[in-house]
Protein backbone atom coordinates (compact mmCIF):
# COMPACT_ATOMS: atom_id res chain seq x y z
CA MET A 1 265.03 114.61 -191.53
CA THR A 2 267.75 111.99 -191.16
CA ALA A 3 267.46 109.31 -188.52
CA THR A 4 269.93 110.91 -186.13
CA VAL A 5 269.02 114.62 -186.32
CA GLY A 6 268.20 115.62 -182.75
CA ALA A 7 269.71 112.45 -181.26
CA ASP A 8 273.33 112.00 -182.34
CA PRO A 9 274.37 108.41 -181.55
CA GLY A 10 277.82 109.70 -180.62
CA VAL A 11 276.21 111.75 -177.85
CA VAL A 12 273.28 109.51 -176.90
CA GLY A 13 275.38 106.37 -176.43
CA PRO A 14 277.98 107.66 -173.97
CA TYR A 15 275.31 109.64 -172.11
CA LEU A 16 273.09 106.59 -171.61
CA ALA A 17 276.07 104.47 -170.60
CA THR A 18 276.73 106.95 -167.82
CA VAL A 19 273.21 107.66 -166.54
CA LEU A 20 272.06 104.02 -166.83
CA ASP A 21 275.39 102.78 -165.47
CA ASP A 22 275.71 100.20 -168.26
CA ASP A 23 278.61 100.19 -170.73
CA ARG A 24 276.66 98.27 -173.36
CA TRP A 25 275.07 101.62 -174.26
CA ARG A 26 278.43 103.16 -175.09
CA GLU A 27 277.79 102.62 -178.82
CA VAL A 28 274.23 102.71 -180.11
CA ASP A 29 272.13 102.75 -183.25
CA VAL A 30 269.44 105.44 -183.36
CA ASP A 31 266.37 105.20 -185.61
CA LEU A 32 263.71 107.91 -185.91
CA ILE A 33 260.23 106.36 -185.87
CA ALA A 34 257.92 109.36 -185.41
CA ALA A 35 258.38 112.91 -186.63
CA GLY A 36 256.54 115.83 -188.16
CA MET A 37 253.69 117.26 -186.08
CA SER A 38 254.54 115.87 -182.66
CA ASN A 39 257.53 115.12 -180.49
CA LEU A 40 260.36 113.16 -182.05
CA THR A 41 260.54 109.50 -181.09
CA TYR A 42 263.64 107.37 -181.57
CA VAL A 43 264.46 103.71 -181.03
CA VAL A 44 267.88 103.43 -179.41
CA THR A 45 269.56 100.01 -179.57
CA PRO A 46 272.96 99.00 -178.18
CA ARG A 47 275.34 98.38 -181.09
CA GLY A 48 275.06 94.69 -181.89
CA GLY A 49 272.19 94.27 -179.42
CA ARG A 50 268.85 92.57 -179.93
CA PRO A 51 265.65 94.46 -180.80
CA GLU A 52 264.26 93.61 -177.38
CA ASP A 53 267.19 95.46 -175.80
CA ALA A 54 266.10 98.78 -177.32
CA VAL A 55 264.70 101.78 -175.47
CA ILE A 56 262.70 104.77 -176.65
CA LEU A 57 263.98 108.36 -176.55
CA ARG A 58 261.50 111.26 -176.80
CA ARG A 59 262.42 114.88 -177.42
CA PRO A 60 260.75 118.01 -178.86
CA PRO A 61 260.96 118.86 -182.56
CA THR A 62 264.20 120.51 -183.59
CA GLY A 63 262.46 123.64 -184.96
CA ALA A 64 260.35 126.28 -183.26
CA VAL A 65 257.64 124.90 -180.95
CA LEU A 66 254.57 126.32 -179.26
CA ALA A 67 255.19 127.73 -175.81
CA THR A 68 253.17 125.11 -173.92
CA ALA A 69 253.69 122.15 -176.27
CA HIS A 70 256.31 119.41 -176.32
CA ASP A 71 257.05 119.62 -172.58
CA MET A 72 259.24 116.62 -171.85
CA VAL A 73 259.26 117.14 -168.08
CA ARG A 74 255.44 117.02 -167.94
CA GLU A 75 255.24 114.02 -170.25
CA HIS A 76 257.80 112.15 -168.15
CA LYS A 77 256.01 113.11 -164.93
CA VAL A 78 252.58 111.84 -165.95
CA ILE A 79 253.89 108.55 -167.34
CA SER A 80 255.95 107.99 -164.20
CA GLY A 81 252.98 108.85 -162.00
CA LEU A 82 250.67 106.42 -163.77
CA ALA A 83 253.04 103.49 -163.31
CA GLY A 84 251.31 100.92 -161.13
CA THR A 85 247.79 102.17 -161.93
CA PRO A 86 245.36 100.31 -164.23
CA VAL A 87 246.46 102.64 -167.05
CA PRO A 88 249.12 100.87 -169.14
CA VAL A 89 252.17 103.07 -169.72
CA PRO A 90 255.83 102.39 -170.54
CA ARG A 91 258.30 102.36 -167.65
CA THR A 92 260.37 105.55 -167.60
CA LEU A 93 264.14 105.16 -167.27
CA HIS A 94 265.65 108.65 -167.28
CA LEU A 95 264.80 112.35 -167.68
CA CYS A 96 267.41 114.82 -168.93
CA THR A 97 266.69 118.53 -168.44
CA ASP A 98 270.22 119.63 -169.43
CA GLU A 99 269.71 121.17 -172.87
CA ALA A 100 273.46 121.07 -173.46
CA VAL A 101 273.22 117.32 -174.16
CA LEU A 102 270.83 117.23 -177.16
CA GLY A 103 269.74 120.84 -177.43
CA ALA A 104 266.45 120.21 -175.60
CA PRO A 105 265.11 118.21 -172.65
CA PHE A 106 264.41 114.55 -173.38
CA TYR A 107 263.53 111.34 -171.62
CA VAL A 108 264.09 107.63 -172.10
CA MET A 109 261.57 104.88 -171.47
CA GLU A 110 261.24 101.18 -172.06
CA ARG A 111 260.18 100.02 -175.51
CA VAL A 112 256.76 98.35 -175.44
CA VAL A 113 256.11 95.97 -178.32
CA GLY A 114 252.54 96.07 -179.59
CA VAL A 115 250.27 96.52 -182.58
CA HIS A 116 250.09 100.13 -183.78
CA VAL A 117 246.89 100.74 -185.75
CA VAL A 118 246.70 103.87 -187.88
CA ASP A 119 244.85 103.52 -191.18
CA GLU A 120 243.83 99.87 -191.08
CA LEU A 121 244.00 96.75 -188.97
CA PRO A 122 246.97 94.51 -189.79
CA ALA A 123 246.16 91.35 -191.75
CA GLY A 124 245.05 88.62 -189.36
CA TYR A 125 244.46 90.98 -186.43
CA ALA A 126 240.96 91.41 -184.93
CA ASP A 127 239.41 89.67 -187.92
CA THR A 128 236.10 88.85 -186.26
CA GLU A 129 233.34 91.23 -185.21
CA ALA A 130 233.64 89.96 -181.63
CA GLU A 131 237.35 90.81 -181.57
CA ARG A 132 236.72 94.26 -183.01
CA ARG A 133 234.02 94.89 -180.40
CA ALA A 134 236.51 93.83 -177.72
CA LEU A 135 239.09 96.18 -179.20
CA GLY A 136 236.70 99.13 -179.10
CA ASP A 137 235.53 98.31 -175.58
CA GLY A 138 239.12 97.93 -174.41
CA LEU A 139 240.01 101.41 -175.61
CA VAL A 140 237.01 102.86 -173.76
CA ASP A 141 237.85 100.97 -170.59
CA VAL A 142 241.41 102.31 -170.49
CA LEU A 143 240.13 105.85 -170.93
CA ALA A 144 237.64 105.28 -168.10
CA ASP A 145 240.44 103.86 -165.94
CA LEU A 146 242.55 106.95 -166.58
CA HIS A 147 239.73 109.27 -165.63
CA THR A 148 239.13 107.47 -162.33
CA VAL A 149 242.76 107.63 -161.17
CA ASP A 150 243.19 109.72 -158.01
CA ALA A 151 245.70 112.28 -159.29
CA ALA A 152 246.88 113.35 -155.84
CA ALA A 153 247.45 109.74 -154.78
CA VAL A 154 249.90 109.17 -157.67
CA GLY A 155 251.82 112.42 -157.18
CA LEU A 156 249.98 114.38 -159.87
CA GLY A 157 247.88 116.64 -157.68
CA ASP A 158 249.78 119.69 -158.98
CA PHE A 159 249.78 118.58 -162.62
CA GLY A 160 247.32 121.26 -163.74
CA ARG A 161 244.67 123.78 -162.71
CA PRO A 162 241.23 122.15 -162.99
CA GLU A 163 239.40 125.35 -162.03
CA GLY A 164 238.32 127.20 -165.16
CA PHE A 165 239.82 124.49 -167.37
CA LEU A 166 237.16 124.51 -170.08
CA ALA A 167 237.10 128.29 -170.51
CA ARG A 168 240.91 128.34 -170.72
CA GLN A 169 240.85 125.56 -173.30
CA VAL A 170 238.45 127.50 -175.51
CA ARG A 171 240.63 130.60 -175.19
CA ARG A 172 243.82 128.64 -175.84
CA TRP A 173 242.61 127.05 -179.06
CA THR A 174 240.94 130.25 -180.22
CA THR A 175 244.28 132.00 -179.78
CA GLN A 176 246.01 129.14 -181.60
CA TRP A 177 243.59 129.47 -184.50
CA GLU A 178 244.05 133.24 -184.68
CA ALA A 179 247.84 132.86 -184.63
CA THR A 180 247.88 130.36 -187.51
CA ARG A 181 244.88 131.59 -189.52
CA ASP A 182 245.37 130.22 -193.05
CA THR A 183 242.43 132.13 -194.56
CA ASP A 184 239.18 133.76 -193.48
CA ARG A 185 236.93 131.14 -191.90
CA PRO A 186 233.88 132.90 -190.41
CA GLY A 187 232.29 129.57 -189.51
CA LEU A 188 235.26 128.67 -187.33
CA ASP A 189 235.16 132.09 -185.69
CA ALA A 190 231.45 131.65 -184.98
CA LEU A 191 232.04 128.18 -183.52
CA ALA A 192 234.69 129.59 -181.18
CA ALA A 193 232.32 132.32 -180.02
CA ARG A 194 229.47 129.86 -179.48
CA LEU A 195 231.66 127.56 -177.42
CA ALA A 196 232.93 130.43 -175.26
CA ALA A 197 229.37 131.53 -174.55
CA THR A 198 228.09 128.08 -173.57
CA VAL A 199 230.85 126.55 -171.42
CA PRO A 200 229.24 123.89 -169.19
CA THR A 201 229.95 123.34 -165.53
CA THR A 202 232.59 120.67 -164.99
CA ALA A 203 231.10 117.72 -163.12
CA ARG A 204 234.47 116.38 -161.96
CA SER A 205 238.15 116.79 -162.69
CA GLY A 206 240.86 114.26 -163.34
CA ILE A 207 243.89 113.40 -165.45
CA VAL A 208 243.26 114.30 -169.08
CA HIS A 209 245.33 112.70 -171.85
CA GLY A 210 244.56 115.44 -174.37
CA ASP A 211 244.69 113.33 -177.54
CA TYR A 212 243.40 109.87 -176.68
CA ARG A 213 242.73 107.69 -179.73
CA MET A 214 243.53 104.27 -181.12
CA ASP A 215 246.74 105.24 -182.88
CA ASN A 216 248.14 106.71 -179.65
CA CYS A 217 247.95 103.23 -178.12
CA LEU A 218 249.91 100.03 -178.57
CA LEU A 219 247.61 97.00 -178.65
CA ASP A 220 248.31 93.47 -177.47
CA PRO A 221 249.31 91.35 -180.50
CA ASP A 222 247.58 88.27 -179.12
CA VAL A 223 244.55 89.67 -177.29
CA PRO A 224 242.49 92.28 -179.18
CA GLY A 225 240.92 94.44 -176.53
CA ARG A 226 243.97 94.62 -174.29
CA VAL A 227 245.95 97.87 -174.51
CA ARG A 228 249.63 97.38 -173.80
CA ALA A 229 250.60 101.05 -173.58
CA VAL A 230 249.09 104.51 -173.98
CA LEU A 231 251.53 106.90 -175.66
CA ASP A 232 251.89 110.60 -176.58
CA TRP A 233 251.08 112.37 -173.32
CA GLU A 234 252.40 115.77 -174.42
CA MET A 235 249.01 117.51 -173.97
CA SER A 236 248.07 115.83 -170.70
CA THR A 237 247.02 117.85 -167.66
CA LEU A 238 244.41 118.00 -164.90
CA GLY A 239 241.05 119.10 -166.22
CA ASP A 240 237.64 117.96 -167.40
CA PRO A 241 237.88 114.31 -168.50
CA LEU A 242 234.99 114.65 -170.92
CA THR A 243 237.26 116.62 -173.26
CA ASP A 244 239.02 113.29 -173.90
CA LEU A 245 235.74 111.55 -174.69
CA GLY A 246 234.70 114.36 -177.03
CA MET A 247 238.01 114.15 -178.90
CA LEU A 248 237.77 110.37 -179.12
CA PHE A 249 234.50 110.83 -181.01
CA VAL A 250 236.29 112.90 -183.66
CA TYR A 251 238.43 109.83 -184.37
CA TRP A 252 235.53 107.37 -184.20
CA PRO A 253 233.64 107.30 -187.54
CA GLU A 254 230.78 104.83 -187.91
CA ALA A 255 229.80 102.66 -190.86
CA GLY A 256 228.13 104.59 -193.67
CA GLU A 257 229.30 108.01 -192.56
CA GLU A 258 230.99 110.46 -194.93
CA ARG A 259 232.18 113.09 -192.46
CA GLY A 260 235.23 114.26 -194.44
CA VAL A 261 237.19 114.55 -191.21
CA ALA A 262 238.51 111.22 -189.99
CA LEU A 263 242.15 110.42 -190.64
CA SER A 264 241.30 106.73 -190.18
CA ALA A 265 238.13 104.72 -190.80
CA VAL A 266 239.05 101.67 -188.72
CA THR A 267 236.15 102.07 -186.28
CA ALA A 268 233.69 101.96 -189.19
CA LEU A 269 234.47 98.26 -189.65
CA PRO A 270 231.76 95.78 -188.59
CA GLY A 271 231.91 94.91 -184.92
CA PHE A 272 233.25 98.17 -183.51
CA PRO A 273 230.89 99.84 -181.04
CA THR A 274 229.05 102.95 -182.18
CA ARG A 275 229.74 106.29 -180.52
CA ALA A 276 226.48 105.90 -178.58
CA GLN A 277 227.71 102.55 -177.29
CA VAL A 278 231.10 104.07 -176.45
CA ALA A 279 229.36 106.80 -174.44
CA GLN A 280 227.15 104.28 -172.64
CA ARG A 281 230.07 102.07 -171.66
CA TYR A 282 232.10 105.07 -170.50
CA ALA A 283 229.21 106.37 -168.41
CA GLU A 284 228.70 102.95 -166.81
CA ARG A 285 232.42 102.60 -166.01
CA THR A 286 232.84 106.08 -164.55
CA GLY A 287 229.39 107.06 -163.29
CA THR A 288 229.64 110.31 -165.26
CA ASP A 289 226.57 112.29 -166.35
CA LEU A 290 226.91 112.81 -170.12
CA GLY A 291 224.08 115.34 -170.44
CA ASP A 292 226.45 118.00 -171.84
CA LEU A 293 228.38 115.61 -174.11
CA SER A 294 227.36 117.49 -177.27
CA TRP A 295 229.28 120.59 -176.07
CA TYR A 296 232.42 118.53 -175.57
CA VAL A 297 232.06 117.02 -179.04
CA GLY A 298 231.57 120.49 -180.51
CA PHE A 299 234.68 121.70 -178.71
CA ALA A 300 236.66 118.67 -179.93
CA TYR A 301 235.84 119.48 -183.55
CA PHE A 302 236.84 123.10 -182.95
CA LYS A 303 240.13 122.03 -181.37
CA PHE A 304 240.78 119.60 -184.21
CA ALA A 305 240.07 122.34 -186.77
CA ALA A 306 242.53 124.66 -185.00
CA ILE A 307 245.16 121.92 -184.99
CA LEU A 308 244.62 121.31 -188.71
CA ALA A 309 244.86 125.04 -189.43
CA GLY A 310 248.15 125.14 -187.55
CA ILE A 311 249.51 122.23 -189.59
CA VAL A 312 248.43 123.92 -192.82
CA ALA A 313 250.11 127.17 -191.78
CA ARG A 314 253.35 125.48 -190.75
CA SER A 315 253.38 123.46 -193.97
CA ALA A 316 252.95 126.63 -196.03
CA ALA A 317 255.90 128.12 -194.14
CA GLY A 318 258.05 125.08 -194.94
CA ALA A 319 258.22 123.95 -191.32
CA MET A 320 256.71 120.49 -191.82
CA ALA A 321 259.55 118.70 -193.58
CA GLY A 322 259.03 114.96 -193.57
CA LYS A 323 255.28 115.15 -192.98
CA ASP A 324 252.69 115.09 -195.75
CA SER A 325 249.90 117.52 -194.91
CA THR A 326 248.06 117.14 -198.21
CA GLY A 327 244.29 117.38 -197.75
CA TYR A 328 244.41 118.75 -194.22
CA ALA A 329 242.94 122.12 -195.23
CA ASP A 330 239.97 120.32 -196.80
CA LYS A 331 239.07 118.81 -193.42
CA ILE A 332 238.71 122.14 -191.61
CA GLY A 333 235.32 123.03 -193.13
CA PRO A 334 233.73 119.65 -192.26
CA CYS A 335 235.08 120.01 -188.71
CA VAL A 336 233.33 123.36 -188.38
CA GLU A 337 230.04 121.92 -189.65
CA LEU A 338 230.21 118.90 -187.36
CA GLY A 339 231.07 121.14 -184.40
CA ARG A 340 228.10 123.38 -185.21
CA ALA A 341 225.80 120.36 -185.55
CA ALA A 342 226.91 119.06 -182.16
CA LEU A 343 226.14 122.36 -180.45
CA GLU A 344 222.88 123.15 -182.24
CA ASP A 345 221.44 119.71 -182.95
CA GLY A 346 223.10 117.59 -180.28
CA ALA A 347 224.66 115.46 -183.03
CA VAL A 348 227.48 113.37 -181.60
């Protein structure tokens, strides 16, 4: 995919100049910085402008998308609603629902500069165990802050249907798995059935991010432990907050583990809190009873397996241009086993 597919500078520039009432946007440079499995993210800079003048444009992928995914209006709404809360989010600037402009709804927000950690910590960043502990604790604290936001008070009281949320989630991801089944996986089918039969009672509802993890955050370059912005809200809704904690555990390997699942092993570095310590800090910050946490972890592995199966299926169909999905199919089996172990053995 070229840098301007889905966001033609000749269209974006004049449009932004009009809606932002600023002629310096009349001519822009557009650079694609995230593509493949998620929404498309572009840096838009006024022609001849400074990097700090840039804004971010988000739009859905240019190909076919899932019916409930990639909803720009919802993503814009939750980010706008969280402005002014303890949850760090970029400032939204404009929402366009006129598909005649770029072929799909999109929105524009401020560009937040921060450290983006994916596979490893940058050289010189969070070098000490104390800094890495602060980084881990900071991520937990932001999640706890999100889950204690009063949704109605920030205009998000109608952002989802908390009643029956967990049962719907199990059905949704079971349907997703069945629609993108890459091969027979009886273990995944059994995990889905077990989850559906053991749905716990939701203790409380709140704003759910849907995919909260380190690489969906921008970190403060100077203060490890401070999150500058939480990104990628496309799966956010109102529901059971513990689904976020369960999913965070999928992305939180510990030292010495060979789980065959994690896409990053950053949290296995010395200093990062263990998952047990993450759970304890979260419980202390939110007052939440974590007695059913193993179910949420089991569900998270199931959801992750369904996501991976979808990626594998789309890759096989040639719909993942620009994104390397090598090895994703090999992670599905370990996800199933870890999900089973969480449900049967309480392993989190």
